Amino acid sequence: MRRGMKSDFETTWRRRFEEFALEHEDDAGIAGWSESGLQARLRNFLRTWQPQKPGGVWLDAGCGAGTYARAMVAAGQQVVAVDYSLPSLQKAQQRSHEALLHLVGADVTRLPLPSNYCDGAICFGVLQALSGPEPAIRELARVVRPGGWIWVDALNANFWPNLTWRLSARFRGYDSRLRFDSPGQLARVFRRCGLRRVHITWVPILPGRFGRLQRFAESAAVRAMFATLPWLASAASHAYVVAAEK
C-alpha cells in the first residue's frame, strides 16, 4: 500500500471511532471498550508505567476521550494527545481543563511532531484498527527521544477464544472486524524499528459475567505465574502491552 493510502479496513474503523464518540458520553464507549475492560487496561498501565522525569513530554497517540492522557497529566507529565477522530478530541477537550494537556488531530502514522520531540509515547486501542503495526511503531520511534520509552497495546492473537473465533471466521469466509497481533511478531516489529529492551506485560480481561474475578486475574500471584509460564500467559490474556526503549 502506498504511503497516504488507507485500506477499506482502516477507513471503516475511522468512521466507527467517530460514531462511537458521537453516540457515547462515557470514556469506554467512546473508545469502543466495555467499562470493565477499559478500567482493567488502565490499572495495568498505571501499575507498570514509570515516567523517567517530572514534567516530561509524553505522546498519547489514539487518545480517544483522554483517559490515559489525564492520568499522565495527574502524574505531573505534559501530554500531547493525538487522535484522528475529531468527535473524540472534542469529548477529550470537554473532560480536561489541564494546561499540560495539548490536543491535536492527526493520524498515528503521520504525526505532526518533530523527530526526538517526546520523552515517551503510548499508543493504546489503536493497532487493532490498523492494517499492520509497523508504520505506527516506526512513527512513534521517530518522535521519541533516545532513551525514551514507547508503550503499545494489542489484542492477543494467541488468546484461545480469539484464536478460535478467527479460525471460525476464516472457515466461514467472514471478514474480521478486528486485527490481532502475535506477541512474538509484534516484539520483532519493535526491534526492526530500532527499539531495545523489549518487554511484554500481559493483560487478562475476563468477560463481564466473571467481573468479580477480574481483580484476582490482575493479582500479584497471577502476574508471577505469567512471568514464570509465558506460554500460559499468552493463551490466557485477551490483550498485552509491549514496552521498549529507543
Protein backbone atom coordinates (compact mmCIF):
# COMPACT_ATOMS: atom_id res chain seq x y z
CA MET A 1 0.00 0.00 0.00
CA ARG A 2 1.41 3.39 -0.97
CA ARG A 3 2.02 5.95 1.77
CA GLY A 4 -1.01 8.17 2.24
CA MET A 5 -3.49 5.50 1.14
CA LYS A 6 -5.74 3.73 3.63
CA SER A 7 -7.31 0.30 3.32
CA ASP A 8 -11.08 -0.17 3.48
CA PHE A 9 -10.47 -1.83 6.87
CA GLU A 10 -8.80 1.31 8.26
CA THR A 11 -11.36 3.64 6.68
CA THR A 12 -14.17 1.63 8.26
CA TRP A 13 -12.51 1.83 11.66
CA ARG A 14 -12.00 5.57 11.41
CA ARG A 15 -15.70 6.02 10.69
CA ARG A 16 -16.54 3.63 13.53
CA PHE A 17 -14.47 5.62 16.07
CA GLU A 18 -16.22 8.81 15.00
CA GLU A 19 -19.58 7.10 15.50
CA PHE A 20 -18.53 5.83 18.94
CA ALA A 21 -17.72 9.38 20.04
CA LEU A 22 -20.97 10.79 18.66
CA GLU A 23 -23.11 8.06 20.26
CA HIS A 24 -21.47 7.73 23.70
CA GLU A 25 -20.61 10.00 26.60
CA ASP A 26 -18.52 7.57 28.68
CA ASP A 27 -14.79 7.09 28.04
CA ALA A 28 -15.19 3.35 27.49
CA GLY A 29 -17.96 3.71 24.94
CA ILE A 30 -16.03 6.39 23.04
CA ALA A 31 -13.03 4.03 22.87
CA GLY A 32 -15.16 1.05 21.88
CA TRP A 33 -14.43 -0.90 25.10
CA SER A 34 -16.57 -2.12 27.94
CA GLU A 35 -16.20 -0.15 31.17
CA SER A 36 -14.59 -3.11 32.95
CA GLY A 37 -12.22 -3.69 30.04
CA LEU A 38 -11.06 -0.07 29.96
CA GLN A 39 -10.54 0.02 33.72
CA ALA A 40 -8.52 -3.22 33.63
CA ARG A 41 -6.30 -1.77 30.92
CA LEU A 42 -5.87 1.49 32.81
CA ARG A 43 -4.96 -0.30 36.06
CA ASN A 44 -2.36 -2.37 34.23
CA PHE A 45 -0.82 0.76 32.72
CA LEU A 46 -0.67 2.70 36.00
CA ARG A 47 0.80 -0.33 37.76
CA THR A 48 3.70 -0.66 35.31
CA TRP A 49 4.30 2.78 33.76
CA GLN A 50 7.09 4.87 35.25
CA PRO A 51 7.87 8.32 33.78
CA GLN A 52 11.59 8.94 33.73
CA LYS A 53 11.42 12.54 34.95
CA PRO A 54 8.94 15.09 36.31
CA GLY A 55 7.44 17.38 33.73
CA GLY A 56 8.35 15.16 30.79
CA VAL A 57 6.59 15.43 27.43
CA TRP A 58 4.56 12.32 26.59
CA LEU A 59 2.58 11.49 23.49
CA ASP A 60 -0.78 9.71 23.73
CA ALA A 61 -1.39 8.51 20.15
CA GLY A 62 -5.01 7.50 19.70
CA CYS A 63 -6.14 9.24 22.88
CA GLY A 64 -9.90 8.78 22.46
CA ALA A 65 -11.63 10.64 25.27
CA GLY A 66 -8.27 11.22 27.00
CA THR A 67 -8.42 8.54 29.73
CA TYR A 68 -4.69 7.81 29.74
CA ALA A 69 -3.68 11.38 28.92
CA ARG A 70 -5.45 12.69 32.02
CA ALA A 71 -3.76 10.01 34.15
CA MET A 72 -0.33 11.05 32.85
CA VAL A 73 -1.09 14.73 33.47
CA ALA A 74 -2.13 13.82 37.02
CA ALA A 75 1.30 12.20 37.40
CA GLY A 76 2.98 15.52 36.53
CA GLN A 77 3.67 14.96 32.83
CA GLN A 78 2.99 17.23 29.87
CA VAL A 79 0.92 15.33 27.31
CA VAL A 80 0.33 15.78 23.60
CA ALA A 81 -2.89 13.82 22.97
CA VAL A 82 -3.49 12.87 19.34
CA ASP A 83 -6.49 11.27 17.65
CA TYR A 84 -7.83 11.18 14.09
CA SER A 85 -11.43 11.22 15.34
CA LEU A 86 -12.40 14.85 15.81
CA PRO A 87 -15.55 13.95 17.82
CA SER A 88 -13.29 12.01 20.21
CA LEU A 89 -10.99 15.02 20.61
CA GLN A 90 -14.00 17.20 21.36
CA LYS A 91 -15.04 14.80 24.13
CA ALA A 92 -11.45 14.80 25.44
CA GLN A 93 -11.48 18.61 25.49
CA GLN A 94 -14.73 18.66 27.46
CA ARG A 95 -13.18 16.38 30.10
CA SER A 96 -9.95 18.26 30.60
CA HIS A 97 -9.08 21.78 31.71
CA GLU A 98 -5.43 20.96 32.32
CA ALA A 99 -2.85 23.36 30.91
CA LEU A 100 -0.45 20.43 30.50
CA LEU A 101 -2.73 18.61 28.04
CA HIS A 102 -2.46 19.58 24.36
CA LEU A 103 -4.95 18.05 21.89
CA VAL A 104 -4.04 17.50 18.24
CA GLY A 105 -5.99 16.00 15.34
CA ALA A 106 -3.70 13.61 13.46
CA ASP A 107 -3.08 10.03 12.32
CA VAL A 108 -0.60 7.89 14.28
CA THR A 109 1.23 7.03 11.05
CA ARG A 110 1.77 10.73 10.19
CA LEU A 111 2.37 12.62 13.41
CA PRO A 112 2.81 16.41 13.13
CA LEU A 113 5.71 16.39 15.59
CA PRO A 114 9.47 16.88 15.13
CA SER A 115 11.77 13.89 15.47
CA ASN A 116 13.05 13.23 19.02
CA TYR A 117 10.39 15.56 20.46
CA CYS A 118 8.83 13.41 23.20
CA ASP A 119 10.24 11.79 26.32
CA GLY A 120 7.93 8.83 25.78
CA ALA A 121 4.81 7.69 23.97
CA ILE A 122 1.83 5.44 24.48
CA CYS A 123 -0.49 4.04 21.82
CA PHE A 124 -3.44 2.09 23.24
CA GLY A 125 -6.52 0.76 21.47
CA VAL A 126 -5.11 1.57 18.03
CA LEU A 127 -3.31 -1.40 16.49
CA GLN A 128 -6.45 -3.50 16.09
CA ALA A 129 -7.80 -0.78 13.77
CA LEU A 130 -4.72 -0.68 11.50
CA SER A 131 -3.84 -2.92 8.56
CA GLY A 132 -0.44 -3.55 10.14
CA PRO A 133 1.60 -2.32 13.12
CA GLU A 134 4.93 -1.31 11.61
CA PRO A 135 4.11 2.16 10.16
CA ALA A 136 2.71 3.26 13.52
CA ILE A 137 5.64 1.82 15.52
CA ARG A 138 8.17 3.50 13.22
CA GLU A 139 6.43 6.85 13.57
CA LEU A 140 6.29 6.55 17.36
CA ALA A 141 10.00 5.69 17.39
CA ARG A 142 10.74 8.73 15.24
CA VAL A 143 9.15 11.25 17.61
CA VAL A 144 10.58 9.79 20.87
CA ARG A 145 14.00 10.86 22.10
CA PRO A 146 16.81 8.34 22.56
CA GLY A 147 16.37 6.79 25.99
CA GLY A 148 12.60 7.32 25.92
CA TRP A 149 10.08 4.51 26.18
CA ILE A 150 7.22 3.51 23.89
CA TRP A 151 4.19 1.59 25.19
CA VAL A 152 1.78 -0.05 22.76
CA ASP A 153 -1.09 -2.43 23.45
CA ALA A 154 -2.57 -5.04 21.12
CA LEU A 155 -5.26 -7.69 21.01
CA ASN A 156 -3.62 -11.06 21.54
CA ALA A 157 -3.73 -13.38 18.52
CA ASN A 158 -2.72 -16.30 20.78
CA PHE A 159 -5.53 -15.89 23.33
CA TRP A 160 -7.52 -19.08 22.84
CA PRO A 161 -11.01 -17.51 22.39
CA ASN A 162 -9.55 -15.00 19.90
CA LEU A 163 -7.78 -17.80 18.06
CA THR A 164 -10.93 -19.93 17.95
CA TRP A 165 -13.03 -17.02 16.71
CA ARG A 166 -10.52 -16.10 13.98
CA LEU A 167 -10.28 -19.68 12.72
CA SER A 168 -14.07 -19.96 12.66
CA ALA A 169 -14.41 -16.66 10.78
CA ARG A 170 -11.80 -17.74 8.24
CA PHE A 171 -13.50 -21.11 7.74
CA ARG A 172 -16.88 -19.43 7.19
CA GLY A 173 -15.42 -16.75 4.92
CA TYR A 174 -16.21 -13.83 7.24
CA ASP A 175 -14.16 -10.64 7.31
CA SER A 176 -12.71 -9.84 10.73
CA ARG A 177 -13.85 -6.58 12.34
CA LEU A 178 -10.61 -6.52 14.34
CA ARG A 179 -6.94 -7.28 13.77
CA PHE A 180 -4.98 -9.34 16.28
CA ASP A 181 -1.21 -9.42 16.79
CA SER A 182 1.03 -12.25 17.94
CA PRO A 183 3.17 -11.03 20.88
CA GLY A 184 6.33 -12.51 19.39
CA GLN A 185 5.74 -10.97 15.98
CA LEU A 186 4.96 -7.54 17.46
CA ALA A 187 8.12 -7.70 19.58
CA ARG A 188 10.09 -8.36 16.39
CA VAL A 189 8.49 -5.31 14.76
CA PHE A 190 9.71 -3.21 17.71
CA ARG A 191 13.25 -4.49 17.22
CA ARG A 192 13.14 -3.85 13.45
CA CYS A 193 12.19 -0.26 14.28
CA GLY A 194 15.40 0.12 16.29
CA LEU A 195 13.88 -0.29 19.76
CA ARG A 196 15.56 -2.26 22.53
CA ARG A 197 14.86 -3.79 25.94
CA VAL A 198 11.52 -5.04 24.59
CA HIS A 199 9.22 -6.18 27.39
CA ILE A 200 5.72 -7.72 27.32
CA THR A 201 3.11 -7.20 30.03
CA TRP A 202 0.06 -9.46 29.92
CA VAL A 203 -3.44 -8.01 30.33
CA PRO A 204 -6.01 -10.69 31.21
CA ILE A 205 -9.54 -9.33 30.86
CA LEU A 206 -12.43 -11.52 31.94
CA PRO A 207 -15.91 -11.37 30.38
CA GLY A 208 -18.36 -9.14 32.21
CA ARG A 209 -20.21 -12.09 33.76
CA PHE A 210 -16.99 -13.04 35.56
CA GLY A 211 -16.23 -9.47 36.62
CA ARG A 212 -15.93 -10.38 40.31
CA LEU A 213 -12.83 -12.43 39.43
CA GLN A 214 -11.11 -9.66 37.48
CA ARG A 215 -9.08 -8.43 40.44
CA PHE A 216 -7.82 -11.97 41.01
CA ALA A 217 -6.77 -12.15 37.34
CA GLU A 218 -4.71 -9.00 37.95
CA SER A 219 -3.26 -10.14 41.30
CA ALA A 220 0.43 -10.37 42.09
CA ALA A 221 0.15 -14.17 42.26
CA VAL A 222 -1.25 -14.42 38.73
CA ARG A 223 1.33 -11.93 37.40
CA ALA A 224 4.12 -14.01 38.97
CA MET A 225 2.68 -17.17 37.39
CA PHE A 226 2.51 -15.48 34.00
CA ALA A 227 6.13 -14.33 34.33
CA THR A 228 7.16 -17.93 35.01
CA LEU A 229 4.91 -19.51 32.34
CA PRO A 230 4.74 -17.10 29.37
CA TRP A 231 3.04 -19.73 27.20
CA LEU A 232 0.16 -19.82 29.70
CA ALA A 233 0.05 -16.03 29.87
CA SER A 234 -0.15 -15.84 26.09
CA ALA A 235 -3.02 -18.34 25.93
CA ALA A 236 -4.94 -16.73 28.82
CA SER A 237 -4.57 -12.98 28.16
CA HIS A 238 -7.04 -11.12 25.98
CA ALA A 239 -4.52 -8.32 25.41
CA TYR A 240 -0.92 -7.36 26.16
CA VAL A 241 1.36 -4.33 26.23
CA VAL A 242 4.75 -4.15 24.56
CA ALA A 243 7.13 -1.57 26.05
CA ALA A 244 10.58 -0.77 24.66
CA GLU A 245 13.32 1.83 24.86
CA LYS A 246 14.58 3.86 21.93
